[in-house]
Amino acid sequence: MAETFHFSISMISRGKSKSAVASAAYISCEKIKNEWDGEVHDYHNKKGLLHSQIYLLENIPKELQDRSFLWNSVELNEKASNAQLARNFIIALPKELSFEENKKLITDFIQENFVSKGMIAYLAIHDRTSEDNNNIHAHIMTTLRPINEKGEWQAKSKKEYILDENGEKVKLKSGNYKTRKVELTDWNDKGNAEKWRENFASLCNQYLEKNHQEKRVDHRSYKRQGIEEIPTIHMGASASALEKKGIETDKGNINREIKKHNSLVKAIKSKIKEITFWIDSLLGNLQAKYDEYKQDKKDELENKAELFNLYEYISIYNEIQGEKTKNLSYYGQIKKGNVDLKRFVKAIYYLKDNHLQTIADLQGKVFELAKQSKKISSDIQEKTQRIKDLNQCVSCIDSIKENKKVYQEYKSKTIFKDSFYNSHKKEIDKYQRARKTIEKFTGTSAIKLNDWQKEITKLEKEIEVLNKDKIKIQDEFKQIDHIKYAVKIVNDEYGIDLSIEIDKAIKRGEKPSVIAQLKKFQEQQEKRDQYRQKTKEKYTEQER
């Protein structure tokens, strides 16, 4: 699948200078003439089309299975200059599945969510193999109006008069009667987007499981999933084209920084998981191991006053490495000896600087670093979002400049104002949208390019500092990983069982916080064992 779950929904509307015929020609890679305005849309040289198909109910006239006929019928039926023509979907398909399985998957989705509701759906599956990016995805266009068995398009909604307490129509000052719009289908329901995305993710996971693939997808945003990573921004055709030519763009630079941040997050979380698992396995099932010890060994260890601490582990590990060095050549002894000495000194100083003496202390440090890492990720995410918002404000400046003259003329009108608006709706709306966007993100509609650029520069520097802090945390995890490895080597070499040490710590009356840490790890291990047992029983039952 793509790096993230991709399922975009948009409206093909004349008000946005879009055409259903043009969209159909583009995704079908062919030449189609739009009978509504006479324009010919020619994409027959476009590459990447793997499959296309029109889905409709059995009682619908079969001539609507022709792309040109279908979408020209839609265009000619809509008279308004700002009419909504079709709903458009772009959906990433799992590259782990074969083409045939992907075709079945997307067909099931279309039949269940669109055709069963009465919509006509046009599917085109693309894979830009010429760019060698293995980017298999589906384009889907769906109709917005119901259609009857005669091929006649029906109304999307109806007007309903609002009545007062006496059942009479409510008259407005203009002389017209107060009405409301009543949708005749649920196709425009605001909750559909979430339902469609969730349904596709569910179908996707069913097909992945059926084809013995481990990967699963989730339609929810990173934030809803509790993932610390930041999603990349959409590049768009222009920026993508420039990037492919080796020309850096602002969007490309933002995505590179996001990917760099996400890579650090993944590395640190992986290290946290590894170290936590190691501690769990090291301290798990302590009581069971304790009971297995011979009584004489138990008495012998109980009479010993002190137990190993982390300093002793590191020192003994260094001695073990020294013994191994003796078998090397003279040059090898010098080289390995220097490396081991540096590691030994670095580990000792790390323990000393962080006041770490026991495994419980080490576990506490892991949790502390994990908390710091999460806070840094949250700060980076917040600052990155602010940069995105400010860049959106910057992108609005050209739209304001281009349409300012028309907007000012519109505002100065005292007569024929509505007529002027209808003639210049596109320019006026662009100007107003740009101003509203700036006000949304800055609190004022005023253009303050220098202030925005200064803030962006400041935020970028702050993110750079935070990323450096992330790297420092990653380095600390590497140092902890070395200490963990040293403890394992010493335990394996001397047959040391930590369950005895922990049991003695409890009997010696260690701090309640230390005992609580150990018990917590016992509980975690028990839960893991229970989970593994349930999983084992589940698969055993399935095999039967």
Protein backbone atom coordinates (compact mmCIF):
# COMPACT_ATOMS: atom_id res chain seq x y z
CA MET A 1 0.00 0.00 0.00
CA ALA A 2 1.12 3.62 -0.09
CA GLU A 3 3.14 4.95 2.86
CA THR A 4 -0.13 6.15 4.37
CA PHE A 5 -3.80 5.16 3.85
CA HIS A 6 -4.91 7.30 0.89
CA PHE A 7 -8.62 7.76 0.18
CA SER A 8 -9.49 11.22 -1.18
CA ILE A 9 -12.99 12.45 -2.07
CA SER A 10 -13.76 15.57 -4.09
CA MET A 11 -16.58 17.07 -6.12
CA ILE A 12 -16.40 17.64 -9.89
CA SER A 13 -18.17 20.97 -10.29
CA ARG A 14 -18.51 23.57 -13.05
CA GLY A 15 -18.24 26.20 -10.33
CA LYS A 16 -14.61 25.06 -9.92
CA SER A 17 -14.06 24.98 -13.71
CA LYS A 18 -14.24 21.17 -13.75
CA SER A 19 -15.95 18.85 -16.22
CA ALA A 20 -17.21 15.30 -15.80
CA VAL A 21 -16.33 14.53 -19.43
CA ALA A 22 -12.80 15.89 -18.97
CA SER A 23 -12.30 13.80 -15.82
CA ALA A 24 -13.62 10.67 -17.54
CA ALA A 25 -11.33 11.24 -20.53
CA TYR A 26 -8.34 11.75 -18.24
CA ILE A 27 -8.77 8.61 -16.14
CA SER A 28 -9.75 6.45 -19.15
CA CYS A 29 -6.77 7.73 -21.22
CA GLU A 30 -8.91 8.47 -24.25
CA LYS A 31 -10.37 11.26 -26.38
CA ILE A 32 -13.93 12.44 -25.58
CA LYS A 33 -15.88 15.48 -26.80
CA ASN A 34 -17.99 17.41 -24.29
CA GLU A 35 -21.36 18.06 -25.98
CA TRP A 36 -22.24 20.72 -23.39
CA ASP A 37 -19.53 23.20 -24.42
CA GLY A 38 -18.06 21.54 -27.53
CA GLU A 39 -14.59 21.15 -26.01
CA VAL A 40 -12.59 18.04 -26.91
CA HIS A 41 -10.54 16.42 -24.12
CA ASP A 42 -7.76 14.27 -25.56
CA TYR A 43 -5.69 12.05 -23.21
CA HIS A 44 -5.16 9.06 -25.54
CA ASN A 45 -1.36 9.38 -25.11
CA LYS A 46 -1.57 9.12 -21.33
CA LYS A 47 -0.06 5.92 -19.91
CA GLY A 48 -0.82 3.74 -16.90
CA LEU A 49 -4.43 2.53 -17.43
CA LEU A 50 -4.82 -1.14 -16.38
CA HIS A 51 -8.61 -1.53 -16.37
CA SER A 52 -11.81 0.50 -16.70
CA GLN A 53 -15.46 -0.41 -16.16
CA ILE A 54 -18.88 1.13 -15.57
CA TYR A 55 -21.10 -0.36 -12.84
CA LEU A 56 -24.87 0.18 -12.74
CA LEU A 57 -28.07 -1.57 -11.69
CA GLU A 58 -29.56 -4.14 -14.08
CA ASN A 59 -32.72 -2.09 -14.84
CA ILE A 60 -30.71 0.91 -16.10
CA PRO A 61 -30.45 1.32 -19.92
CA LYS A 62 -27.30 -0.37 -21.23
CA GLU A 63 -26.25 2.60 -23.41
CA LEU A 64 -25.14 4.29 -20.18
CA GLN A 65 -22.28 1.76 -20.05
CA ASP A 66 -20.61 3.85 -22.76
CA ARG A 67 -18.32 6.44 -21.08
CA SER A 68 -18.93 9.21 -23.59
CA PHE A 69 -22.70 8.70 -23.57
CA LEU A 70 -22.89 8.49 -19.76
CA TRP A 71 -20.94 11.61 -18.87
CA ASN A 72 -22.29 13.71 -21.75
CA SER A 73 -25.77 12.74 -20.54
CA VAL A 74 -24.79 14.02 -17.08
CA GLU A 75 -23.35 17.26 -18.53
CA LEU A 76 -26.34 18.00 -20.76
CA ASN A 77 -28.83 17.34 -17.96
CA GLU A 78 -27.21 20.00 -15.73
CA LYS A 79 -28.02 23.56 -16.87
CA ALA A 80 -26.46 25.68 -14.12
CA SER A 81 -23.01 27.24 -14.62
CA ASN A 82 -22.00 26.10 -11.13
CA ALA A 83 -23.62 22.64 -11.23
CA GLN A 84 -22.11 19.73 -9.34
CA LEU A 85 -21.60 16.93 -11.88
CA ALA A 86 -20.02 13.92 -10.16
CA ARG A 87 -18.24 12.75 -7.03
CA ASN A 88 -14.57 11.83 -7.53
CA PHE A 89 -12.50 9.29 -5.55
CA ILE A 90 -8.78 8.49 -5.66
CA ILE A 91 -7.95 5.37 -3.62
CA ALA A 92 -4.57 3.68 -3.12
CA LEU A 93 -4.75 -0.10 -3.59
CA PRO A 94 -2.58 -2.65 -1.75
CA LYS A 95 0.52 -3.36 -3.84
CA GLU A 96 0.86 -6.62 -1.86
CA LEU A 97 -2.16 -8.03 -3.77
CA SER A 98 -2.23 -9.20 -7.40
CA PHE A 99 -4.02 -7.10 -10.02
CA GLU A 100 -6.94 -9.56 -10.13
CA GLU A 101 -7.36 -9.48 -6.34
CA ASN A 102 -7.25 -5.66 -6.36
CA LYS A 103 -9.90 -5.62 -9.08
CA LYS A 104 -12.15 -7.90 -6.99
CA LEU A 105 -11.51 -5.75 -3.91
CA ILE A 106 -12.45 -2.44 -5.54
CA THR A 107 -15.44 -4.04 -7.33
CA ASP A 108 -16.81 -5.33 -4.00
CA PHE A 109 -16.38 -1.83 -2.55
CA ILE A 110 -18.19 -0.15 -5.48
CA GLN A 111 -21.09 -2.62 -5.51
CA GLU A 112 -21.61 -2.45 -1.74
CA ASN A 113 -21.33 1.33 -1.27
CA PHE A 114 -22.45 2.93 -4.58
CA VAL A 115 -24.33 0.66 -7.01
CA SER A 116 -26.50 -0.89 -4.27
CA LYS A 117 -27.63 2.67 -3.42
CA GLY A 118 -28.62 3.41 -7.04
CA MET A 119 -25.52 5.32 -8.18
CA ILE A 120 -23.70 4.71 -11.45
CA ALA A 121 -19.97 4.28 -10.83
CA TYR A 122 -17.10 4.48 -13.32
CA LEU A 123 -13.85 2.77 -12.30
CA ALA A 124 -10.34 3.19 -13.76
CA ILE A 125 -7.37 1.36 -12.23
CA HIS A 126 -3.98 3.00 -12.84
CA ASP A 127 -0.40 1.98 -12.19
CA ARG A 128 2.23 4.46 -13.39
CA THR A 129 4.64 1.74 -14.46
CA SER A 130 6.47 4.14 -16.77
CA GLU A 131 7.67 5.97 -13.65
CA ASP A 132 8.56 2.69 -11.91
CA ASN A 133 6.83 3.75 -8.69
CA ASN A 134 4.50 0.77 -8.24
CA ASN A 135 1.69 3.19 -7.50
CA ILE A 136 -1.44 1.11 -8.15
CA HIS A 137 -4.58 3.11 -7.40
CA ALA A 138 -8.23 3.44 -8.38
CA HIS A 139 -10.10 6.44 -9.79
CA ILE A 140 -13.87 6.27 -9.25
CA MET A 141 -16.50 8.72 -10.53
CA THR A 142 -20.07 8.39 -9.22
CA THR A 143 -23.26 10.09 -10.37
CA LEU A 144 -25.09 12.50 -8.09
CA ARG A 145 -28.65 12.16 -9.40
CA PRO A 146 -30.91 9.07 -9.22
CA ILE A 147 -31.91 7.62 -12.61
CA ASN A 148 -34.98 5.59 -13.56
CA GLU A 149 -35.32 2.53 -15.81
CA LYS A 150 -36.01 4.82 -18.82
CA GLY A 151 -32.65 6.53 -18.40
CA GLU A 152 -34.22 9.77 -17.12
CA TRP A 153 -32.28 11.68 -14.50
CA GLN A 154 -34.27 12.44 -11.35
CA ALA A 155 -34.14 15.38 -8.92
CA LYS A 156 -31.45 15.47 -6.21
CA SER A 157 -33.70 17.36 -3.78
CA LYS A 158 -37.02 19.14 -3.48
CA LYS A 159 -38.21 22.43 -2.01
CA GLU A 160 -40.54 22.20 0.98
CA TYR A 161 -42.52 25.11 2.40
CA ILE A 162 -42.07 25.88 6.09
CA LEU A 163 -45.40 26.25 7.88
CA ASP A 164 -46.25 28.24 10.99
CA GLU A 165 -48.16 26.92 14.03
CA ASN A 166 -51.43 27.35 12.09
CA GLY A 167 -50.22 25.28 9.16
CA GLU A 168 -49.87 28.36 6.93
CA LYS A 169 -46.89 29.23 4.72
CA VAL A 170 -44.46 31.72 6.28
CA LYS A 171 -44.13 34.81 4.11
CA LEU A 172 -40.85 36.73 3.98
CA LYS A 173 -40.34 40.50 3.60
CA SER A 174 -39.36 39.94 -0.02
CA GLY A 175 -42.78 38.51 -0.74
CA ASN A 176 -41.49 34.98 -1.19
CA TYR A 177 -42.38 32.10 1.10
CA LYS A 178 -39.89 30.53 3.50
CA THR A 179 -38.71 27.11 2.29
CA ARG A 180 -36.12 24.47 3.08
CA LYS A 181 -34.21 22.02 0.93
CA VAL A 182 -35.03 18.31 1.39
CA GLU A 183 -32.57 15.76 0.02
CA LEU A 184 -34.21 12.87 -1.85
CA THR A 185 -31.30 10.48 -1.24
CA ASP A 186 -28.70 10.06 1.50
CA TRP A 187 -25.82 10.28 -1.01
CA ASN A 188 -24.72 13.69 0.30
CA ASP A 189 -24.85 12.73 3.96
CA LYS A 190 -21.80 14.18 5.78
CA GLY A 191 -21.19 10.88 7.54
CA ASN A 192 -20.71 8.99 4.26
CA ALA A 193 -17.03 9.89 3.93
CA GLU A 194 -16.16 8.17 7.22
CA LYS A 195 -18.37 5.16 6.36
CA TRP A 196 -16.79 4.75 2.92
CA ARG A 197 -13.24 5.06 4.25
CA GLU A 198 -13.93 2.60 7.07
CA ASN A 199 -15.65 0.12 4.74
CA PHE A 200 -12.75 0.20 2.26
CA ALA A 201 -10.20 -0.33 5.05
CA SER A 202 -12.22 -3.29 6.35
CA LEU A 203 -12.49 -4.88 2.88
CA CYS A 204 -8.80 -4.20 2.30
CA ASN A 205 -7.81 -6.03 5.48
CA GLN A 206 -10.10 -8.96 4.61
CA TYR A 207 -8.36 -9.36 1.24
CA LEU A 208 -4.90 -8.99 2.79
CA GLU A 209 -5.70 -11.66 5.38
CA LYS A 210 -7.24 -13.96 2.77
CA ASN A 211 -4.05 -13.67 0.70
CA HIS A 212 -1.84 -14.42 3.73
CA GLN A 213 -0.42 -10.89 4.00
CA GLU A 214 0.59 -9.58 7.44
CA LYS A 215 0.06 -5.92 6.58
CA ARG A 216 -3.13 -4.16 7.70
CA VAL A 217 -4.47 -0.66 6.98
CA ASP A 218 -6.31 1.85 9.15
CA HIS A 219 -8.60 4.54 7.76
CA ARG A 220 -8.18 6.74 10.83
CA SER A 221 -5.77 9.69 10.93
CA TYR A 222 -2.42 9.34 12.73
CA LYS A 223 -3.79 11.50 15.55
CA ARG A 224 -6.86 9.25 16.05
CA GLN A 225 -4.63 6.17 16.00
CA GLY A 226 -2.28 7.67 18.61
CA ILE A 227 0.66 7.59 16.19
CA GLU A 228 3.34 10.21 16.83
CA GLU A 229 4.40 10.41 13.18
CA ILE A 230 3.39 13.34 10.97
CA PRO A 231 1.61 12.66 7.65
CA THR A 232 3.28 14.14 4.57
CA ILE A 233 1.50 16.86 2.61
CA HIS A 234 0.05 16.35 -0.88
CA MET A 235 2.62 17.43 -3.48
CA GLY A 236 0.35 18.15 -6.42
CA ALA A 237 1.20 17.74 -10.10
CA SER A 238 3.34 20.88 -10.46
CA ALA A 239 5.55 20.28 -7.43
CA SER A 240 5.90 16.57 -8.28
CA ALA A 241 7.03 17.40 -11.82
CA LEU A 242 9.66 19.85 -10.55
CA GLU A 243 10.95 17.38 -7.95
CA LYS A 244 11.35 14.67 -10.62
CA LYS A 245 13.56 17.07 -12.56
CA GLY A 246 15.75 17.55 -9.50
CA ILE A 247 14.33 20.98 -8.62
CA GLU A 248 13.55 21.37 -4.93
CA THR A 249 10.16 22.84 -3.95
CA ASP A 250 8.77 24.18 -0.66
CA LYS A 251 6.36 21.24 -0.45
CA GLY A 252 9.14 18.81 -1.22
CA ASN A 253 11.35 20.32 1.48
CA ILE A 254 8.53 20.11 4.03
CA ASN A 255 7.97 16.43 3.17
CA ARG A 256 11.69 15.70 3.46
CA GLU A 257 11.77 17.22 6.94
CA ILE A 258 8.63 15.28 7.91
CA LYS A 259 10.14 12.00 6.67
CA LYS A 260 13.36 12.77 8.58
CA HIS A 261 11.35 13.36 11.75
CA ASN A 262 9.24 10.21 11.23
CA SER A 263 12.39 8.15 10.70
CA LEU A 264 13.73 9.31 14.07
CA VAL A 265 10.39 8.56 15.75
CA LYS A 266 10.36 5.02 14.32
CA ALA A 267 13.97 4.37 15.34
CA ILE A 268 13.42 5.58 18.90
CA LYS A 269 10.12 3.71 19.34
CA SER A 270 11.76 0.55 18.00
CA LYS A 271 14.57 0.92 20.52
CA ILE A 272 12.07 1.57 23.36
CA LYS A 273 10.17 -1.58 22.37
CA GLU A 274 13.35 -3.63 22.19
CA ILE A 275 14.68 -2.44 25.56
CA THR A 276 11.30 -2.82 27.28
CA PHE A 277 10.95 -6.34 25.91
CA TRP A 278 14.45 -7.15 27.13
CA ILE A 279 13.67 -5.90 30.64
CA ASP A 280 10.36 -7.79 30.63
CA SER A 281 12.04 -11.02 29.58
CA LEU A 282 14.88 -10.45 32.07
CA LEU A 283 12.55 -9.95 35.03
CA GLY A 284 9.61 -12.15 33.97
CA ASN A 285 8.49 -15.31 35.72
CA LEU A 286 10.76 -14.55 38.68
CA GLN A 287 8.85 -16.61 41.24
CA ALA A 288 8.72 -19.68 38.98
CA LYS A 289 12.50 -19.58 38.44
CA TYR A 290 13.06 -19.02 42.14
CA ASP A 291 11.13 -22.18 43.06
CA GLU A 292 13.24 -24.25 40.66
CA TYR A 293 16.50 -23.48 42.47
CA LYS A 294 17.95 -26.12 44.76
CA GLN A 295 17.56 -25.30 48.43
CA ASP A 296 21.30 -25.33 49.09
CA LYS A 297 21.95 -22.82 46.26
CA LYS A 298 19.16 -20.63 47.61
CA ASP A 299 20.66 -20.66 51.13
CA GLU A 300 24.11 -19.88 49.75
CA LEU A 301 22.91 -16.82 47.86
CA GLU A 302 20.75 -15.60 50.74
CA ASN A 303 23.83 -15.49 52.98
CA LYS A 304 25.64 -13.19 50.55
CA ALA A 305 25.42 -9.56 51.64
CA GLU A 306 25.41 -7.74 48.30
CA LEU A 307 24.21 -8.38 44.77
CA PHE A 308 25.51 -7.19 41.39
CA ASN A 309 24.67 -3.64 40.42
CA LEU A 310 25.05 -2.13 36.95
CA TYR A 311 28.62 -0.93 37.65
CA GLU A 312 29.62 -4.50 38.49
CA TYR A 313 27.94 -5.82 35.36
CA ILE A 314 29.89 -3.36 33.18
CA SER A 315 33.17 -4.13 34.95
CA ILE A 316 32.78 -7.91 34.65
CA TYR A 317 31.74 -7.54 31.00
CA ASN A 318 34.92 -5.57 30.35
CA GLU A 319 36.97 -8.34 31.98
CA ILE A 320 35.27 -10.94 29.75
CA GLN A 321 36.14 -8.90 26.67
CA GLY A 322 39.73 -8.65 27.92
CA GLU A 323 39.97 -12.44 28.07
CA LYS A 324 38.68 -12.70 24.49
CA THR A 325 41.26 -10.12 23.38
CA LYS A 326 44.14 -12.40 24.43
CA ASN A 327 43.37 -14.76 21.54
CA LEU A 328 43.89 -12.03 18.94
CA SER A 329 47.03 -10.87 17.16
CA TYR A 330 49.12 -8.11 18.70
CA TYR A 331 47.56 -5.52 16.39
CA GLY A 332 44.09 -6.96 17.05
CA GLN A 333 44.65 -6.81 20.83
CA ILE A 334 45.56 -3.11 20.64
CA LYS A 335 42.63 -2.24 18.37
CA LYS A 336 39.97 -4.20 20.31
CA GLY A 337 41.43 -3.13 23.65
CA ASN A 338 41.08 0.55 22.72
CA VAL A 339 37.50 0.06 21.53
CA ASP A 340 36.51 -1.89 24.66
CA LEU A 341 38.13 0.71 26.93
CA LYS A 342 36.22 3.55 25.26
CA ARG A 343 32.93 1.65 25.63
CA PHE A 344 33.69 0.82 29.25
CA VAL A 345 34.51 4.42 30.16
CA LYS A 346 31.48 5.74 28.24
CA ALA A 347 29.12 3.28 29.95
CA ILE A 348 30.51 4.06 33.44
CA TYR A 349 30.16 7.81 32.88
CA TYR A 350 26.61 7.34 31.53
CA LEU A 351 25.61 5.42 34.67
CA LYS A 352 27.27 8.01 36.89
CA ASP A 353 25.85 11.07 35.09
CA ASN A 354 22.32 9.62 35.19
CA HIS A 355 22.56 8.17 38.71
CA LEU A 356 21.76 4.63 37.51
CA GLN A 357 22.68 1.70 39.76
CA THR A 358 20.04 -1.01 39.31
CA ILE A 359 17.92 -2.48 36.54
CA ALA A 360 14.93 -0.70 38.09
CA ASP A 361 16.84 2.59 37.64
CA LEU A 362 17.53 1.64 34.03
CA GLN A 363 13.86 0.94 33.42
CA GLY A 364 12.95 4.31 34.93
CA LYS A 365 15.39 6.01 32.54
CA VAL A 366 13.78 4.25 29.56
CA PHE A 367 10.35 5.58 30.55
CA GLU A 368 11.78 9.06 31.11
CA LEU A 369 13.38 9.11 27.64
CA ALA A 370 10.16 7.80 26.07
CA LYS A 371 8.22 10.66 27.69
CA GLN A 372 10.74 13.23 26.43
CA SER A 373 10.60 11.74 22.94
CA LYS A 374 6.79 11.95 22.87
CA LYS A 375 6.86 15.60 24.02
CA ILE A 376 9.39 16.52 21.31
CA SER A 377 7.28 14.74 18.67
CA SER A 378 4.21 16.68 19.79
CA ASP A 379 6.12 20.00 19.63
CA ILE A 380 7.48 19.22 16.16
CA GLN A 381 4.02 18.24 14.94
CA GLU A 382 2.51 21.49 16.27
CA LYS A 383 5.24 23.66 14.72
CA THR A 384 5.08 21.80 11.40
CA GLN A 385 1.32 22.37 11.24
CA ARG A 386 1.85 26.07 11.89
CA ILE A 387 4.36 26.20 9.01
CA LYS A 388 1.80 24.51 6.75
CA ASP A 389 -0.85 27.08 7.78
CA LEU A 390 1.47 30.03 7.16
CA ASN A 391 2.54 28.65 3.77
CA GLN A 392 -1.14 28.40 2.89
CA CYS A 393 -1.46 32.11 3.78
CA VAL A 394 1.51 32.91 1.53
CA SER A 395 -0.10 30.99 -1.34
CA CYS A 396 -3.22 33.18 -0.95
CA ILE A 397 -1.34 36.40 -1.72
CA ASP A 398 -1.26 35.92 -5.51
CA SER A 399 -4.98 35.15 -5.56
CA ILE A 400 -5.68 38.38 -3.63
CA LYS A 401 -3.51 40.49 -5.93
CA GLU A 402 -4.98 38.99 -9.10
CA ASN A 403 -8.60 39.54 -8.06
CA LYS A 404 -8.35 42.67 -5.88
CA LYS A 405 -9.33 45.10 -8.64
CA VAL A 406 -12.49 43.18 -9.52
CA TYR A 407 -13.42 42.77 -5.85
CA GLN A 408 -12.97 46.50 -5.11
CA GLU A 409 -15.11 47.37 -8.11
CA TYR A 410 -17.75 44.94 -6.83
CA LYS A 411 -17.71 46.52 -3.35
CA SER A 412 -18.05 50.00 -4.79
CA LYS A 413 -21.17 49.08 -6.78
CA THR A 414 -24.42 50.58 -5.62
CA ILE A 415 -26.54 49.42 -8.57
CA PHE A 416 -26.45 46.21 -10.61
CA LYS A 417 -24.33 44.71 -7.83
CA ASP A 418 -25.86 41.23 -8.13
CA SER A 419 -25.42 41.26 -11.90
CA PHE A 420 -21.74 42.24 -11.52
CA TYR A 421 -21.25 39.45 -8.97
CA ASN A 422 -22.77 36.83 -11.27
CA SER A 423 -20.47 37.98 -14.08
CA HIS A 424 -17.34 37.93 -11.89
CA LYS A 425 -18.28 35.24 -9.37
CA LYS A 426 -15.09 33.24 -9.84
CA GLU A 427 -12.73 36.21 -9.19
CA ILE A 428 -14.77 37.58 -6.26
CA ASP A 429 -15.06 34.18 -4.58
CA LYS A 430 -11.33 33.54 -4.98
CA TYR A 431 -10.53 36.88 -3.35
CA GLN A 432 -12.91 36.30 -0.44
CA ARG A 433 -11.72 32.72 0.12
CA ALA A 434 -8.10 33.89 0.23
CA ARG A 435 -8.90 36.61 2.77
CA LYS A 436 -10.88 34.18 4.95
CA THR A 437 -8.03 31.66 4.85
CA ILE A 438 -5.55 34.27 6.06
CA GLU A 439 -7.91 35.41 8.80
CA LYS A 440 -8.48 31.78 9.89
CA PHE A 441 -4.77 31.15 10.45
CA THR A 442 -3.57 34.60 11.60
CA GLY A 443 -6.60 36.24 13.25
CA THR A 444 -6.63 39.08 10.71
CA SER A 445 -7.19 39.25 6.95
CA ALA A 446 -4.23 41.63 6.51
CA ILE A 447 -1.26 40.46 4.43
CA LYS A 448 1.89 40.38 6.58
CA LEU A 449 4.30 38.45 4.38
CA ASN A 450 7.46 39.56 6.22
CA ASP A 451 6.00 38.56 9.59
CA TRP A 452 4.91 35.18 8.22
CA GLN A 453 8.31 34.49 6.67
CA LYS A 454 10.07 35.46 9.90
CA GLU A 455 7.80 33.15 11.89
CA ILE A 456 8.35 30.30 9.40
CA THR A 457 12.13 30.77 9.65
CA LYS A 458 11.90 30.83 13.45
CA LEU A 459 9.77 27.68 13.52
CA GLU A 460 12.10 25.86 11.12
CA LYS A 461 15.06 26.65 13.40
CA GLU A 462 13.10 25.45 16.44
CA ILE A 463 12.24 22.20 14.62
CA GLU A 464 15.90 21.77 13.73
CA VAL A 465 16.81 22.08 17.44
CA LEU A 466 14.08 19.61 18.40
CA ASN A 467 15.32 17.11 15.80
CA LYS A 468 18.80 17.40 17.31
CA ASP A 469 17.26 16.63 20.70
CA LYS A 470 15.64 13.57 19.12
CA ILE A 471 19.04 12.40 17.90
CA LYS A 472 20.49 12.85 21.40
CA ILE A 473 17.72 10.66 22.83
CA GLN A 474 18.43 8.07 20.16
CA ASP A 475 22.11 8.12 21.17
CA GLU A 476 21.11 7.56 24.80
CA PHE A 477 19.08 4.52 23.78
CA LYS A 478 22.15 3.15 22.02
CA GLN A 479 24.14 3.55 25.23
CA ILE A 480 21.40 1.80 27.23
CA ASP A 481 21.40 -0.92 24.61
CA HIS A 482 25.14 -1.50 25.21
CA ILE A 483 24.58 -1.74 28.99
CA LYS A 484 21.72 -4.19 28.38
CA TYR A 485 23.98 -6.31 26.19
CA ALA A 486 26.72 -6.29 28.83
CA VAL A 487 24.27 -7.54 31.48
CA LYS A 488 23.11 -10.36 29.17
CA ILE A 489 26.69 -11.50 28.40
CA VAL A 490 27.62 -11.54 32.10
CA ASN A 491 24.46 -13.47 33.06
CA ASP A 492 25.05 -16.04 30.29
CA GLU A 493 28.73 -16.39 31.19
CA TYR A 494 28.21 -16.95 34.92
CA GLY A 495 24.72 -18.47 34.95
CA ILE A 496 23.28 -15.68 37.06
CA ASP A 497 19.49 -15.81 37.62
CA LEU A 498 18.09 -12.38 38.43
CA SER A 499 15.03 -13.86 40.12
CA ILE A 500 17.21 -14.62 43.13
CA GLU A 501 18.59 -11.10 43.19
CA ILE A 502 15.12 -9.58 43.04
CA ASP A 503 13.79 -11.90 45.72
CA LYS A 504 16.69 -10.87 47.95
CA ALA A 505 16.02 -7.21 47.22
CA ILE A 506 12.48 -7.69 48.49
CA LYS A 507 13.68 -9.48 51.63
CA ARG A 508 16.31 -6.81 52.29
CA GLY A 509 13.56 -4.21 52.39
CA GLU A 510 14.43 -2.19 49.29
CA LYS A 511 12.49 1.00 48.59
CA PRO A 512 8.77 0.41 47.84
CA SER A 513 9.27 2.11 44.45
CA VAL A 514 11.87 -0.52 43.44
CA ILE A 515 9.64 -3.41 44.56
CA ALA A 516 6.68 -1.83 42.75
CA GLN A 517 8.73 -1.59 39.54
CA LEU A 518 9.63 -5.28 39.73
CA LYS A 519 6.04 -6.34 40.44
CA LYS A 520 4.89 -4.23 37.51
CA PHE A 521 7.24 -6.07 35.19
CA GLN A 522 5.94 -9.40 36.58
CA GLU A 523 2.38 -8.32 35.76
CA GLN A 524 3.42 -7.29 32.25
CA GLN A 525 5.05 -10.66 31.64
CA GLU A 526 2.00 -12.53 32.96
CA LYS A 527 -0.24 -10.55 30.61
CA ARG A 528 2.06 -11.33 27.68
CA ASP A 529 2.02 -15.04 28.57
CA GLN A 530 -1.77 -15.01 28.78
CA TYR A 531 -1.99 -13.27 25.41
CA ARG A 532 0.40 -15.75 23.80
CA GLN A 533 -1.56 -18.68 25.27
CA LYS A 534 -4.87 -17.30 23.96
CA THR A 535 -3.33 -16.76 20.52
CA LYS A 536 -1.93 -20.29 20.52
CA GLU A 537 -5.32 -21.75 21.52
CA LYS A 538 -7.05 -19.70 18.83
CA TYR A 539 -4.81 -20.96 16.01
CA THR A 540 -4.98 -24.53 17.37
CA GLU A 541 -8.79 -24.35 17.25
CA GLN A 542 -8.70 -22.98 13.67
CA GLU A 543 -6.46 -25.83 12.52
CA ARG A 544 -8.98 -28.34 13.87
